């Protein structure tokens, strides 16, 4: 009986000790992506992007650290030059792949 009385206050006291604190929240860092194309970035786009298996605006943003408008313009340029070909044309999501010699 003494054990039951001794165990009861510790269990109720444990709830008060483990009260949940408010979280501070997570702060996302601002992306420092390129907003203009220089010669080095242009050469990198022309060299690397046609080797990607799946090419979309979001993949260029992630891999090359450029903003969305530059990624869209780069994709348009590469498609016009024939380096990549379109697979899916959704309303907003364009998906491309590398152009192969067999497709020509």
C-alpha atoms as a PDB file:
ATOM      1  CA  UNK A   1       0.000   0.000   0.000  1.00  0.00           C
ATOM      2  CA  UNK A   2       2.872   2.329   0.725  1.00  0.00           C
ATOM      3  CA  UNK A   3       4.257   1.594  -2.717  1.00  0.00           C
ATOM      4  CA  UNK A   4       0.991   2.586  -4.427  1.00  0.00           C
ATOM      5  CA  UNK A   5       0.909   5.917  -2.570  1.00  0.00           C
ATOM      6  CA  UNK A   6       4.536   6.586  -3.428  1.00  0.00           C
ATOM      7  CA  UNK A   7       4.037   5.782  -7.129  1.00  0.00           C
ATOM      8  CA  UNK A   8       0.981   8.021  -7.584  1.00  0.00           C
ATOM      9  CA  UNK A   9       2.608  11.415  -6.881  1.00  0.00           C
ATOM     10  CA  UNK A  10       5.554  10.687  -9.157  1.00  0.00           C
ATOM     11  CA  UNK A  11       3.333   9.787 -12.105  1.00  0.00           C
ATOM     12  CA  UNK A  12       1.256  12.965 -11.778  1.00  0.00           C
ATOM     13  CA  UNK A  13       4.405  14.990 -11.230  1.00  0.00           C
ATOM     14  CA  UNK A  14       5.883  13.523 -14.406  1.00  0.00           C
ATOM     15  CA  UNK A  15       3.103  15.031 -16.515  1.00  0.00           C
ATOM     16  CA  UNK A  16       3.820  18.507 -15.231  1.00  0.00           C
ATOM     17  CA  UNK A  17       7.537  18.088 -15.855  1.00  0.00           C
ATOM     18  CA  UNK A  18       6.989  17.015 -19.496  1.00  0.00           C
ATOM     19  CA  UNK A  19       4.774  19.913 -20.549  1.00  0.00           C
ATOM     20  CA  UNK A  20       5.191  20.631 -24.244  1.00  0.00           C
ATOM     21  CA  UNK A  21       6.971  23.846 -25.118  1.00  0.00           C
ATOM     22  CA  UNK A  22       6.051  26.008 -28.082  1.00  0.00           C
ATOM     23  CA  UNK A  23       8.384  25.447 -30.993  1.00  0.00           C
ATOM     24  CA  UNK A  24      10.172  28.410 -32.490  1.00  0.00           C
ATOM     25  CA  UNK A  25       9.274  27.285 -36.016  1.00  0.00           C
ATOM     26  CA  UNK A  26      11.582  26.646 -38.906  1.00  0.00           C
ATOM     27  CA  UNK A  27      13.057  29.453 -40.954  1.00  0.00           C
ATOM     28  CA  UNK A  28      13.858  28.690 -44.573  1.00  0.00           C
ATOM     29  CA  UNK A  29      16.949  30.352 -45.988  1.00  0.00           C
ATOM     30  CA  UNK A  30      16.456  32.573 -48.998  1.00  0.00           C
ATOM     31  CA  UNK A  31      17.768  30.926 -52.145  1.00  0.00           C
ATOM     32  CA  UNK A  32      20.690  32.713 -53.754  1.00  0.00           C
ATOM     33  CA  UNK A  33      20.039  31.627 -57.337  1.00  0.00           C
ATOM     34  CA  UNK A  34      21.468  33.293 -60.414  1.00  0.00           C
ATOM     35  CA  UNK A  35      19.181  35.838 -62.080  1.00  0.00           C
ATOM     36  CA  UNK A  36      21.378  36.605 -65.092  1.00  0.00           C
ATOM     37  CA  UNK A  37      23.271  34.379 -67.498  1.00  0.00           C
ATOM     38  CA  UNK A  38      26.981  34.941 -67.903  1.00  0.00           C
ATOM     39  CA  UNK A  39      29.340  33.086 -70.238  1.00  0.00           C
ATOM     40  CA  UNK A  40      30.323  30.484 -67.632  1.00  0.00           C
ATOM     41  CA  UNK A  41      26.706  29.650 -66.756  1.00  0.00           C
ATOM     42  CA  UNK A  42      25.663  29.512 -70.413  1.00  0.00           C
ATOM     43  CA  UNK A  43      28.487  27.099 -71.245  1.00  0.00           C
ATOM     44  CA  UNK A  44      27.539  24.958 -68.256  1.00  0.00           C
ATOM     45  CA  UNK A  45      23.888  24.860 -69.356  1.00  0.00           C
ATOM     46  CA  UNK A  46      24.772  23.881 -72.930  1.00  0.00           C
ATOM     47  CA  UNK A  47      27.225  21.208 -71.767  1.00  0.00           C
ATOM     48  CA  UNK A  48      25.412  19.604 -68.810  1.00  0.00           C
ATOM     49  CA  UNK A  49      21.671  19.888 -69.438  1.00  0.00           C
ATOM     50  CA  UNK A  50      21.496  17.726 -72.602  1.00  0.00           C
ATOM     51  CA  UNK A  51      23.066  14.878 -70.602  1.00  0.00           C
ATOM     52  CA  UNK A  52      20.248  14.848 -68.002  1.00  0.00           C
ATOM     53  CA  UNK A  53      17.801  11.983 -68.382  1.00  0.00           C
ATOM     54  CA  UNK A  54      14.814  14.059 -67.241  1.00  0.00           C
ATOM     55  CA  UNK A  55      14.809  17.804 -67.830  1.00  0.00           C
ATOM     56  CA  UNK A  56      12.246  20.157 -66.334  1.00  0.00           C
ATOM     57  CA  UNK A  57      12.251  23.653 -64.906  1.00  0.00           C
ATOM     58  CA  UNK A  58      12.488  22.328 -61.362  1.00  0.00           C
ATOM     59  CA  UNK A  59      15.473  20.090 -62.131  1.00  0.00           C
ATOM     60  CA  UNK A  60      17.385  23.010 -63.633  1.00  0.00           C
ATOM     61  CA  UNK A  61      16.578  25.164 -60.609  1.00  0.00           C
ATOM     62  CA  UNK A  62      17.846  22.483 -58.221  1.00  0.00           C
ATOM     63  CA  UNK A  63      20.962  21.437 -60.098  1.00  0.00           C
ATOM     64  CA  UNK A  64      22.159  24.692 -61.671  1.00  0.00           C
ATOM     65  CA  UNK A  65      20.949  27.147 -58.997  1.00  0.00           C
ATOM     66  CA  UNK A  66      19.174  29.453 -61.452  1.00  0.00           C
ATOM     67  CA  UNK A  67      15.783  31.092 -61.024  1.00  0.00           C
ATOM     68  CA  UNK A  68      12.645  29.868 -62.782  1.00  0.00           C
ATOM     69  CA  UNK A  69      12.575  32.347 -65.652  1.00  0.00           C
ATOM     70  CA  UNK A  70      16.181  31.541 -66.601  1.00  0.00           C
ATOM     71  CA  UNK A  71      15.418  27.820 -66.458  1.00  0.00           C
ATOM     72  CA  UNK A  72      12.435  28.238 -68.802  1.00  0.00           C
ATOM     73  CA  UNK A  73      14.476  30.305 -71.272  1.00  0.00           C
ATOM     74  CA  UNK A  74      17.328  27.777 -71.192  1.00  0.00           C
ATOM     75  CA  UNK A  75      14.920  24.930 -71.949  1.00  0.00           C
ATOM     76  CA  UNK A  76      13.372  26.874 -74.842  1.00  0.00           C
ATOM     77  CA  UNK A  77      16.828  27.573 -76.273  1.00  0.00           C
ATOM     78  CA  UNK A  78      17.970  23.953 -75.995  1.00  0.00           C
ATOM     79  CA  UNK A  79      14.767  22.665 -77.601  1.00  0.00           C
ATOM     80  CA  UNK A  80      15.104  25.130 -80.483  1.00  0.00           C
ATOM     81  CA  UNK A  81      18.708  24.023 -81.026  1.00  0.00           C
ATOM     82  CA  UNK A  82      17.618  20.362 -81.021  1.00  0.00           C
ATOM     83  CA  UNK A  83      19.639  19.305 -77.966  1.00  0.00           C
ATOM     84  CA  UNK A  84      16.559  18.129 -76.048  1.00  0.00           C
ATOM     85  CA  UNK A  85      13.099  16.881 -77.011  1.00  0.00           C
ATOM     86  CA  UNK A  86       9.735  17.305 -75.313  1.00  0.00           C
ATOM     87  CA  UNK A  87       8.055  14.312 -73.706  1.00  0.00           C
ATOM     88  CA  UNK A  88       5.125  15.795 -71.771  1.00  0.00           C
ATOM     89  CA  UNK A  89       3.386  19.106 -72.355  1.00  0.00           C
ATOM     90  CA  UNK A  90       1.097  19.709 -69.424  1.00  0.00           C
ATOM     91  CA  UNK A  91      -0.463  23.101 -68.738  1.00  0.00           C
ATOM     92  CA  UNK A  92       2.454  24.244 -66.577  1.00  0.00           C
ATOM     93  CA  UNK A  93       4.805  21.273 -66.292  1.00  0.00           C
ATOM     94  CA  UNK A  94       6.988  20.684 -69.326  1.00  0.00           C
ATOM     95  CA  UNK A  95       9.162  17.579 -69.234  1.00  0.00           C
ATOM     96  CA  UNK A  96      12.000  16.987 -71.671  1.00  0.00           C
ATOM     97  CA  UNK A  97      14.666  14.379 -72.252  1.00  0.00           C
ATOM     98  CA  UNK A  98      17.945  14.304 -74.095  1.00  0.00           C
ATOM     99  CA  UNK A  99      17.714  14.061 -77.857  1.00  0.00           C
ATOM    100  CA  UNK A 100      19.184  10.868 -79.245  1.00  0.00           C
ATOM    101  CA  UNK A 101      20.650  10.289 -82.689  1.00  0.00           C
ATOM    102  CA  UNK A 102      18.064   7.559 -83.356  1.00  0.00           C
ATOM    103  CA  UNK A 103      15.204  10.033 -82.883  1.00  0.00           C
ATOM    104  CA  UNK A 104      16.543  12.275 -85.667  1.00  0.00           C
END
